[in-house]
Amino acid sequence: MEQISSILNDSSTGKEFNIRGWVYRIRTSGKLVFVILRDASSIIQCVAKSDNFNETDFKIISSLTIESSVSFSGELKKDERAVTGYEMNIKSFTIYQRNDSFPVSKDISEEFELDNRHLWIRSREFNAILKIRSTIFKAFREFYDNDGYYEVQPPIMVSTATEGGSTLFSVPFFGEKAYLTQSSQFYLETFIFSLEKVYTITPSFRAEKSRTWRHLTEYWHAEGEVAWINNQQMMDIEEKMLHFIVKKTIEENSEELKILGRDIETLKESMKPFRRIPYRELIEMSESLGMPLKYGDDLGADEERQIMSNFKTPIFVTDFPASLKTFYHQPNPAKPDEILCHDLLAPEGYGEILGGGERIWDYDLLKKRINDNGLKEDDYYWYLDLRKYGSVPHSGFGLGMDRLAMWIMHLDKITGAIAYPRTIRRLRP
C-alpha cells in the first residue's frame, strides 16, 4: 500500500498503485463515480467507470458514503481538473466498513462540532492543524536538544501553588489534599542544580472561570529553566527558539498553512527582531495604541489584543511592577518596585504566549516575599532549600503551546488549536 502523497508526482503516472483510506467526497455522473479518497497524507480523486465493473460492484461503489473505509487499486494519470492534479482509474476495490450516514457536515454549529470533535478531527482542516501542532512540538524539542538542554519529567500532582491558590484544581490524595500543577517551574528549578539547562512539555491546569477566546483549563505548557543567565539572556534564547519554530513550520507545513488560509508572508514578516518595551513605556504608549491604561493596570486579554493589533512582530514587555507578578521574581536592583521579567506578546492581536524572567536566588529575599504574600514557609521548604545550598542566578520561562499554535495558524479561538479542549463548560468528548 502507498500513501497518497507519495504517488502525487509525474513519475508515478501510468503506473498501478494500491491505496487505502476514507471517502472524503463522492459524486456520480452517469456511468462514472468520482470518489475523493483521503488518508493521513493527502487526498486524491479516484474514478470508477461502469465499463470496468459488473452491475453489482458498480452499484456498491456508487452507494459509498462519506467516511466509508476502503482500498483502491488502479492506474494513476495526470489530470489538472482533479483536486490535486492527479487521478486514479479504479480497477479493483475492497470495502472495510460502509457508513449509513456520517453525522458531521460542513455547515454545523460550533457546539455541535465540539461535541463531535472525535469525528471532526478527520476533516482536512483539522488534519492540517494536527500536523502543524506536531511540527511545533518537535521543533521546540529540537531547538533545545540541539543546544544541550535536558528534557525532564516533573510531577503533575503537587502540594503547593505556583501562580495562585484561587485557580487550583484540588485532588484527594490518600487523606491529604493535592493539586493539579499550574506550572512545573519550581520543580524545573530543582533540576538546574544537577543539569543546569532543562525543559519540559507537560499539561498544566488553571481553574480560572474564564470564557475568553484564548483560555483553557488544561493546556500544554512548555517550560525551561537555566542556571547562570539573566533576564536579557533568557529573552535572547526565547527569540531564537521562536524563529526556529516558525521557520520549521513554514518549511514543513506550507500546504497545511494554505489549507487554513494562513498568510505565510505575514508569518515570515513577523520574524524580524522582536522589540523589547518596558511596561512603563508601554503604558505611556497605550493611548496611541487604542487602549488607554494607567501605571499599575494589568494587561488582560482585551488589552493585549488591542495593543498587539498595532504590531507586526512579537514584542517583549519587560520590567513589570512587582504588584502584578508572583512572589518568586527577582526585583530590579536599580528599581526595587519593578522586577526583572518579561511577557512575550504575539502580533495580529494574539497577545501573551510566553512569560519568563529571573528568579529570586537569595534565601532571605525569597523568604520575605513568601511571607509578604501571606504564604506558609513550610509549604515551600524545599523551594527555599534551593537558596540555601549552592544557590546561583537563574532564569526561566513558560510557553503556552496552544496559544503559540493558535497564532502561527491564525485561528480565531484557542479551542480550535487543540484536539480536545477543556474549558469551564467542556469536559467531553
Protein backbone atom coordinates (compact mmCIF):
# COMPACT_ATOMS: atom_id res chain seq x y z
CA MET A 1 0.00 0.00 0.00
CA GLU A 2 1.18 3.51 -0.84
CA GLN A 3 0.41 6.74 0.94
CA ILE A 4 -1.44 9.12 -1.33
CA SER A 5 1.10 11.95 -1.11
CA SER A 6 3.90 9.61 -2.27
CA ILE A 7 2.28 8.99 -5.66
CA LEU A 8 1.22 12.56 -6.48
CA ASN A 9 4.04 13.22 -8.95
CA ASP A 10 4.65 12.96 -12.67
CA SER A 11 6.97 9.96 -12.36
CA SER A 12 4.09 7.91 -10.95
CA THR A 13 1.76 8.42 -13.93
CA GLY A 14 0.96 5.32 -15.94
CA LYS A 15 1.78 3.04 -13.01
CA GLU A 16 -0.56 0.98 -10.87
CA PHE A 17 -0.83 1.52 -7.13
CA ASN A 18 -2.76 0.29 -4.12
CA ILE A 19 -4.05 2.98 -1.78
CA ARG A 20 -6.41 2.93 1.18
CA GLY A 21 -8.22 5.45 3.29
CA TRP A 22 -11.62 7.03 3.80
CA VAL A 23 -14.17 8.52 1.41
CA TYR A 24 -13.85 12.30 1.65
CA ARG A 25 -16.31 13.23 -1.10
CA ILE A 26 -18.32 11.25 -3.66
CA ARG A 27 -20.46 12.10 -6.66
CA THR A 28 -21.91 10.18 -9.58
CA SER A 29 -22.23 11.24 -13.20
CA GLY A 30 -23.97 8.68 -15.34
CA LYS A 31 -21.57 5.81 -15.87
CA LEU A 32 -18.86 7.40 -13.74
CA VAL A 33 -18.35 7.60 -9.97
CA PHE A 34 -15.88 10.14 -8.62
CA VAL A 35 -14.51 9.32 -5.16
CA ILE A 36 -12.19 11.70 -3.36
CA LEU A 37 -10.17 9.43 -1.08
CA ARG A 38 -8.20 10.75 1.89
CA ASP A 39 -5.51 9.26 4.06
CA ALA A 40 -3.24 10.87 6.63
CA SER A 41 -1.03 12.36 3.93
CA SER A 42 -3.34 13.90 1.30
CA ILE A 43 -6.38 13.40 -0.94
CA ILE A 44 -6.81 12.10 -4.48
CA GLN A 45 -9.63 11.79 -6.98
CA CYS A 46 -10.45 8.19 -7.95
CA VAL A 47 -12.76 7.29 -10.82
CA ALA A 48 -14.83 4.14 -11.24
CA LYS A 49 -16.16 3.52 -14.75
CA SER A 50 -19.18 1.28 -15.22
CA ASP A 51 -17.47 -0.47 -18.14
CA ASN A 52 -14.80 -1.84 -15.76
CA PHE A 53 -17.20 -3.44 -13.27
CA ASN A 54 -20.20 -5.72 -13.23
CA GLU A 55 -23.52 -4.14 -12.34
CA THR A 56 -23.42 -5.24 -8.68
CA ASP A 57 -19.92 -3.94 -7.99
CA PHE A 58 -20.58 -0.64 -9.75
CA LYS A 59 -23.70 -0.18 -7.64
CA ILE A 60 -21.67 -0.87 -4.49
CA ILE A 61 -19.10 1.79 -5.40
CA SER A 62 -21.87 4.21 -6.37
CA SER A 63 -23.50 3.82 -2.97
CA LEU A 64 -20.39 4.51 -0.89
CA THR A 65 -20.90 7.14 1.80
CA ILE A 66 -18.72 9.78 3.42
CA GLU A 67 -16.07 8.26 5.73
CA SER A 68 -16.54 4.70 4.49
CA SER A 69 -13.17 2.92 4.75
CA VAL A 70 -11.90 1.40 1.51
CA SER A 71 -8.87 0.42 -0.54
CA PHE A 72 -8.50 1.01 -4.27
CA SER A 73 -6.14 -0.41 -6.86
CA GLY A 74 -5.69 1.30 -10.18
CA GLU A 75 -3.63 3.30 -12.63
CA LEU A 76 -2.54 6.88 -11.94
CA LYS A 77 -2.83 9.56 -14.57
CA LYS A 78 -2.30 13.29 -14.59
CA ASP A 79 -5.43 15.44 -14.75
CA GLU A 80 -5.28 19.16 -13.99
CA ARG A 81 -9.04 19.17 -13.35
CA ALA A 82 -8.63 16.80 -10.39
CA VAL A 83 -8.37 18.26 -6.91
CA THR A 84 -4.65 17.51 -6.50
CA GLY A 85 -3.78 17.34 -10.21
CA TYR A 86 -3.79 13.53 -10.45
CA GLU A 87 -6.47 10.88 -10.80
CA MET A 88 -6.65 7.13 -10.25
CA ASN A 89 -8.71 4.88 -12.52
CA ILE A 90 -10.09 2.24 -10.16
CA LYS A 91 -9.65 -1.37 -11.29
CA SER A 92 -10.48 -3.16 -8.05
CA PHE A 93 -11.61 -2.25 -4.55
CA THR A 94 -12.19 -3.53 -1.04
CA ILE A 95 -14.71 -2.03 1.37
CA TYR A 96 -13.78 -2.37 5.02
CA GLN A 97 -16.76 -0.55 6.52
CA ARG A 98 -19.62 1.36 4.91
CA ASN A 99 -21.38 4.08 6.91
CA ASP A 100 -25.10 4.65 6.85
CA SER A 101 -24.74 8.40 7.46
CA PHE A 102 -21.76 10.38 8.74
CA PRO A 103 -23.14 12.92 11.26
CA VAL A 104 -20.66 15.75 10.66
CA SER A 105 -21.08 18.05 7.68
CA LYS A 106 -19.55 21.37 6.67
CA ASP A 107 -22.30 23.67 7.93
CA ILE A 108 -22.55 22.83 11.63
CA SER A 109 -22.62 24.90 14.78
CA GLU A 110 -19.54 25.38 16.92
CA GLU A 111 -21.12 23.46 19.81
CA PHE A 112 -22.05 20.54 17.57
CA GLU A 113 -18.52 20.46 16.19
CA LEU A 114 -17.04 20.46 19.71
CA ASP A 115 -19.46 17.74 20.84
CA ASN A 116 -18.30 15.67 17.88
CA ARG A 117 -14.62 16.65 17.86
CA HIS A 118 -13.72 12.93 17.83
CA LEU A 119 -15.15 12.87 14.30
CA TRP A 120 -14.31 16.42 13.22
CA ILE A 121 -10.57 15.79 13.60
CA ARG A 122 -10.88 13.76 10.36
CA SER A 123 -11.57 16.96 8.39
CA ARG A 124 -8.86 18.33 6.13
CA GLU A 125 -8.78 21.48 8.24
CA PHE A 126 -8.15 19.64 11.47
CA ASN A 127 -5.76 17.24 9.78
CA ALA A 128 -3.73 20.35 8.91
CA ILE A 129 -3.99 21.68 12.47
CA LEU A 130 -2.74 18.41 13.94
CA LYS A 131 0.20 18.25 11.55
CA ILE A 132 1.23 21.81 12.33
CA ARG A 133 0.95 21.17 16.08
CA SER A 134 3.16 18.12 15.66
CA THR A 135 5.80 20.23 13.90
CA ILE A 136 5.64 22.94 16.58
CA PHE A 137 6.19 20.43 19.39
CA LYS A 138 9.01 18.66 17.52
CA ALA A 139 10.70 21.95 16.64
CA PHE A 140 10.58 23.12 20.26
CA ARG A 141 12.30 19.93 21.38
CA GLU A 142 14.79 20.04 18.53
CA PHE A 143 15.84 23.61 19.34
CA TYR A 144 16.61 22.86 22.98
CA ASP A 145 18.06 19.39 22.38
CA ASN A 146 20.49 20.91 19.88
CA ASP A 147 21.57 23.46 22.49
CA GLY A 148 22.44 20.90 25.15
CA TYR A 149 19.28 21.04 27.25
CA TYR A 150 17.89 18.01 29.03
CA GLU A 151 14.20 17.12 28.89
CA VAL A 152 12.88 16.27 32.36
CA GLN A 153 9.57 14.99 33.73
CA PRO A 154 8.21 16.89 36.76
CA PRO A 155 5.11 15.72 38.67
CA ILE A 156 1.55 16.61 37.68
CA MET A 157 0.13 16.33 41.22
CA VAL A 158 1.74 18.82 43.59
CA SER A 159 1.37 20.05 47.15
CA THR A 160 1.97 23.79 46.62
CA ALA A 161 0.71 26.50 44.32
CA THR A 162 2.94 28.21 41.78
CA GLU A 163 0.76 31.00 40.44
CA GLY A 164 -2.07 31.43 42.95
CA GLY A 165 -4.35 29.47 45.25
CA SER A 166 -7.62 30.66 43.69
CA THR A 167 -7.01 28.89 40.39
CA LEU A 168 -6.08 25.44 41.65
CA PHE A 169 -7.81 22.14 40.95
CA SER A 170 -7.72 20.13 44.16
CA VAL A 171 -7.40 16.34 44.13
CA PRO A 172 -7.96 13.91 47.05
CA PHE A 173 -4.66 12.22 47.82
CA PHE A 174 -4.87 9.46 50.46
CA GLY A 175 -6.15 11.68 53.23
CA GLU A 176 -4.25 14.75 52.06
CA LYS A 177 -5.09 17.44 49.51
CA ALA A 178 -3.08 17.61 46.32
CA TYR A 179 -3.39 19.95 43.35
CA LEU A 180 -3.06 19.62 39.59
CA THR A 181 0.00 21.63 38.64
CA GLN A 182 -0.34 25.16 37.31
CA SER A 183 3.30 25.17 36.24
CA SER A 184 6.35 22.96 36.50
CA GLN A 185 8.64 25.91 37.20
CA PHE A 186 9.50 25.13 40.83
CA TYR A 187 10.45 21.55 40.01
CA LEU A 188 12.44 22.63 36.96
CA GLU A 189 14.42 24.90 39.24
CA THR A 190 15.44 21.87 41.29
CA PHE A 191 16.81 20.18 38.16
CA ILE A 192 19.15 23.04 37.19
CA PHE A 193 21.38 22.31 40.19
CA SER A 194 22.06 18.94 38.59
CA LEU A 195 21.68 19.53 34.85
CA GLU A 196 21.93 23.36 34.52
CA LYS A 197 19.73 23.62 31.37
CA VAL A 198 16.36 21.82 31.35
CA TYR A 199 12.94 21.91 29.71
CA THR A 200 9.66 20.02 29.81
CA ILE A 201 6.43 19.87 27.81
CA THR A 202 3.55 18.82 30.01
CA PRO A 203 -0.09 19.68 30.72
CA SER A 204 -0.84 22.47 33.19
CA PHE A 205 -4.18 23.25 34.80
CA ARG A 206 -5.87 26.52 35.76
CA ALA A 207 -9.26 26.60 37.48
CA GLU A 208 -9.98 30.07 36.14
CA LYS A 209 -13.64 30.82 35.46
CA SER A 210 -12.69 32.46 32.23
CA ARG A 211 -14.57 32.30 28.95
CA THR A 212 -12.18 34.24 26.76
CA TRP A 213 -11.11 33.22 23.28
CA ARG A 214 -7.63 32.24 24.49
CA HIS A 215 -8.10 30.38 27.81
CA LEU A 216 -8.18 26.66 28.53
CA THR A 217 -8.44 24.90 31.87
CA GLU A 218 -6.00 22.23 30.66
CA TYR A 219 -3.29 23.29 28.29
CA TRP A 220 0.11 22.18 27.01
CA HIS A 221 2.89 24.04 28.77
CA ALA A 222 6.48 24.18 27.53
CA GLU A 223 8.80 25.42 30.25
CA GLY A 224 12.52 25.86 30.70
CA GLU A 225 14.94 26.87 33.43
CA VAL A 226 18.61 27.75 33.01
CA ALA A 227 21.38 28.32 35.53
CA TRP A 228 23.76 31.28 35.31
CA ILE A 229 21.71 33.52 32.97
CA ASN A 230 19.79 36.77 33.41
CA ASN A 231 16.52 38.16 32.08
CA GLN A 232 18.05 39.64 28.93
CA GLN A 233 19.85 36.42 28.06
CA MET A 234 16.62 34.47 28.60
CA MET A 235 14.85 36.68 26.06
CA ASP A 236 17.69 36.17 23.57
CA ILE A 237 17.19 32.40 23.79
CA GLU A 238 13.40 32.60 23.53
CA GLU A 239 13.54 34.80 20.45
CA LYS A 240 15.88 32.36 18.69
CA MET A 241 13.58 29.50 19.72
CA LEU A 242 10.50 31.14 18.20
CA HIS A 243 12.37 31.98 14.99
CA PHE A 244 13.36 28.32 14.77
CA ILE A 245 9.82 27.02 15.35
CA VAL A 246 8.19 29.37 12.84
CA LYS A 247 10.86 28.65 10.21
CA LYS A 248 10.39 24.88 10.67
CA THR A 249 6.62 25.19 10.44
CA ILE A 250 6.78 27.17 7.20
CA GLU A 251 9.30 24.72 5.71
CA GLU A 252 7.38 21.57 6.67
CA ASN A 253 3.75 22.67 6.66
CA SER A 254 3.28 25.26 3.91
CA GLU A 255 0.45 23.22 2.37
CA GLU A 256 -1.31 22.87 5.71
CA LEU A 257 -0.96 26.60 6.40
CA LYS A 258 -2.55 27.28 3.00
CA ILE A 259 -5.45 24.93 3.80
CA LEU A 260 -6.10 27.03 6.92
CA GLY A 261 -5.86 30.26 4.93
CA ARG A 262 -2.78 31.45 6.83
CA ASP A 263 -0.89 34.26 5.07
CA ILE A 264 2.63 32.80 5.08
CA GLU A 265 4.25 36.09 4.07
CA THR A 266 2.75 37.79 7.12
CA LEU A 267 4.09 34.98 9.29
CA LYS A 268 7.55 35.36 7.75
CA GLU A 269 7.39 39.13 8.28
CA SER A 270 6.72 38.57 11.99
CA MET A 271 10.15 37.01 12.41
CA LYS A 272 12.03 40.29 12.25
CA PRO A 273 13.83 41.22 15.51
CA PHE A 274 11.42 41.43 18.45
CA ARG A 275 11.09 44.79 20.21
CA ARG A 276 11.65 44.97 23.98
CA ILE A 277 9.40 47.54 25.61
CA PRO A 278 9.43 48.23 29.36
CA TYR A 279 5.98 48.07 30.96
CA ARG A 280 6.18 51.76 31.96
CA GLU A 281 6.90 52.76 28.36
CA LEU A 282 4.06 50.60 27.04
CA ILE A 283 1.63 52.30 29.43
CA GLU A 284 2.78 55.67 28.10
CA MET A 285 2.20 54.39 24.54
CA SER A 286 -1.15 52.76 25.33
CA GLU A 287 -3.42 55.66 24.40
CA SER A 288 -1.88 55.88 20.92
CA LEU A 289 -2.33 52.09 20.64
CA GLY A 290 -6.07 52.37 21.21
CA MET A 291 -6.18 51.04 24.79
CA PRO A 292 -5.61 53.82 27.37
CA LEU A 293 -4.03 52.37 30.53
CA LYS A 294 -2.55 53.74 33.72
CA TYR A 295 0.53 52.55 35.56
CA GLY A 296 -0.33 49.52 37.68
CA ASP A 297 -3.03 48.22 35.34
CA ASP A 298 -2.72 44.57 34.41
CA LEU A 299 -2.61 43.54 30.77
CA GLY A 300 -5.57 41.24 30.25
CA ALA A 301 -6.80 39.51 27.10
CA ASP A 302 -8.69 42.56 25.79
CA GLU A 303 -5.82 44.97 26.44
CA GLU A 304 -3.25 42.72 24.83
CA ARG A 305 -5.45 42.07 21.83
CA GLN A 306 -5.92 45.77 21.18
CA ILE A 307 -2.26 46.60 21.76
CA MET A 308 -0.95 43.78 19.56
CA SER A 309 -3.20 44.68 16.65
CA ASN A 310 -0.68 47.52 16.18
CA PHE A 311 2.42 45.30 15.88
CA LYS A 312 3.65 43.07 13.07
CA THR A 313 6.25 41.23 15.15
CA PRO A 314 6.12 39.79 18.68
CA ILE A 315 7.19 42.17 21.44
CA PHE A 316 8.69 41.57 24.85
CA VAL A 317 7.09 43.62 27.61
CA THR A 318 9.66 43.88 30.40
CA ASP A 319 10.11 45.27 33.93
CA PHE A 320 6.58 44.89 35.29
CA PRO A 321 5.62 46.36 38.66
CA ALA A 322 6.17 43.78 41.39
CA SER A 323 2.48 44.05 42.35
CA LEU A 324 1.45 42.44 39.04
CA LYS A 325 3.62 39.34 39.27
CA THR A 326 4.09 36.41 41.63
CA PHE A 327 6.48 36.27 44.57
CA TYR A 328 9.45 34.44 43.04
CA HIS A 329 10.50 37.11 40.50
CA GLN A 330 13.81 38.92 41.02
CA PRO A 331 13.47 42.66 41.80
CA ASN A 332 15.41 45.10 39.65
CA PRO A 333 18.26 46.38 41.89
CA ALA A 334 18.03 49.81 40.21
CA LYS A 335 14.23 49.99 40.60
CA PRO A 336 13.15 47.74 43.51
CA ASP A 337 9.43 48.23 42.75
CA GLU A 338 9.93 46.60 39.34
CA ILE A 339 11.01 43.05 38.57
CA LEU A 340 13.33 41.50 36.01
CA CYS A 341 10.74 39.66 33.98
CA HIS A 342 9.05 39.64 30.59
CA ASP A 343 5.91 38.65 28.75
CA LEU A 344 6.08 37.85 25.05
CA LEU A 345 3.05 39.13 23.14
CA ALA A 346 2.23 37.77 19.69
CA PRO A 347 1.23 40.14 16.87
CA GLU A 348 -2.05 40.38 14.93
CA GLY A 349 -3.93 40.81 18.21
CA TYR A 350 -2.98 37.47 19.78
CA GLY A 351 -1.35 38.74 22.97
CA GLU A 352 0.62 36.81 25.58
CA ILE A 353 2.01 33.43 24.63
CA LEU A 354 5.03 33.30 26.95
CA GLY A 355 6.14 34.63 30.31
CA GLY A 356 9.53 34.45 31.95
CA GLY A 357 12.28 36.18 33.83
CA GLU A 358 14.90 35.96 36.55
CA ARG A 359 14.09 34.04 39.73
CA ILE A 360 14.94 35.25 43.21
CA TRP A 361 18.05 33.34 44.23
CA ASP A 362 18.74 34.94 47.61
CA TYR A 363 17.35 32.93 50.54
CA ASP A 364 16.38 35.87 52.78
CA LEU A 365 14.69 37.79 49.98
CA LEU A 366 12.66 34.77 48.84
CA LYS A 367 11.63 34.05 52.42
CA LYS A 368 10.48 37.67 52.83
CA ARG A 369 8.49 37.54 49.58
CA ILE A 370 6.77 34.32 50.68
CA ASN A 371 5.75 35.93 53.97
CA ASP A 372 4.73 39.22 52.33
CA ASN A 373 2.34 37.27 50.10
CA GLY A 374 0.69 35.52 53.07
CA LEU A 375 2.08 32.10 52.15
CA LYS A 376 3.33 29.44 54.55
CA GLU A 377 7.07 28.85 54.67
CA ASP A 378 6.53 25.18 55.49
CA ASP A 379 4.74 24.66 52.19
CA TYR A 380 7.82 25.94 50.33
CA TYR A 381 10.56 24.43 52.49
CA TRP A 382 12.10 22.54 49.59
CA TYR A 383 11.92 25.59 47.30
CA LEU A 384 13.71 27.63 49.96
CA ASP A 385 16.33 24.88 50.30
CA LEU A 386 17.43 25.60 46.74
CA ARG A 387 18.58 29.02 48.01
CA LYS A 388 20.44 27.54 50.96
CA TYR A 389 22.68 25.03 49.21
CA GLY A 390 24.69 26.37 46.28
CA SER A 391 22.22 28.95 45.01
CA VAL A 392 23.01 30.63 41.67
CA PRO A 393 21.43 33.29 39.46
CA HIS A 394 18.97 31.66 37.08
CA SER A 395 16.08 32.42 34.75
CA GLY A 396 13.25 30.57 33.08
CA PHE A 397 10.08 30.77 31.01
CA GLY A 398 6.71 29.20 30.39
CA LEU A 399 5.26 28.99 26.87
CA GLY A 400 1.63 28.18 26.12
CA MET A 401 1.94 25.76 23.21
CA ASP A 402 -1.76 26.01 22.31
CA ARG A 403 -1.59 29.81 22.19
CA LEU A 404 1.57 29.61 20.09
CA ALA A 405 -0.16 27.21 17.70
CA MET A 406 -3.25 29.44 17.56
CA TRP A 407 -1.14 32.43 16.50
CA ILE A 408 1.02 30.54 13.99
CA MET A 409 -2.12 29.11 12.34
CA HIS A 410 -4.05 32.39 12.70
CA LEU A 411 -7.07 30.74 14.32
CA ASP A 412 -10.00 32.64 15.86
CA LYS A 413 -10.16 30.70 19.14
CA ILE A 414 -7.84 28.53 21.20
CA THR A 415 -10.42 25.72 21.20
CA GLY A 416 -9.61 25.29 17.52
CA ALA A 417 -5.90 24.81 18.20
CA ILE A 418 -6.16 21.64 20.31
CA ALA A 419 -7.90 18.36 19.56
CA TYR A 420 -9.87 18.04 22.79
CA PRO A 421 -10.19 21.42 24.52
CA ARG A 422 -11.02 21.58 28.21
CA THR A 423 -12.79 24.75 29.30
CA ILE A 424 -15.11 25.65 32.19
CA ARG A 425 -18.02 24.40 30.07
CA ARG A 426 -16.49 21.43 28.30
CA LEU A 427 -15.24 18.08 29.57
CA ARG A 428 -16.16 15.84 26.65
CA PRO A 429 -15.54 14.11 24.35
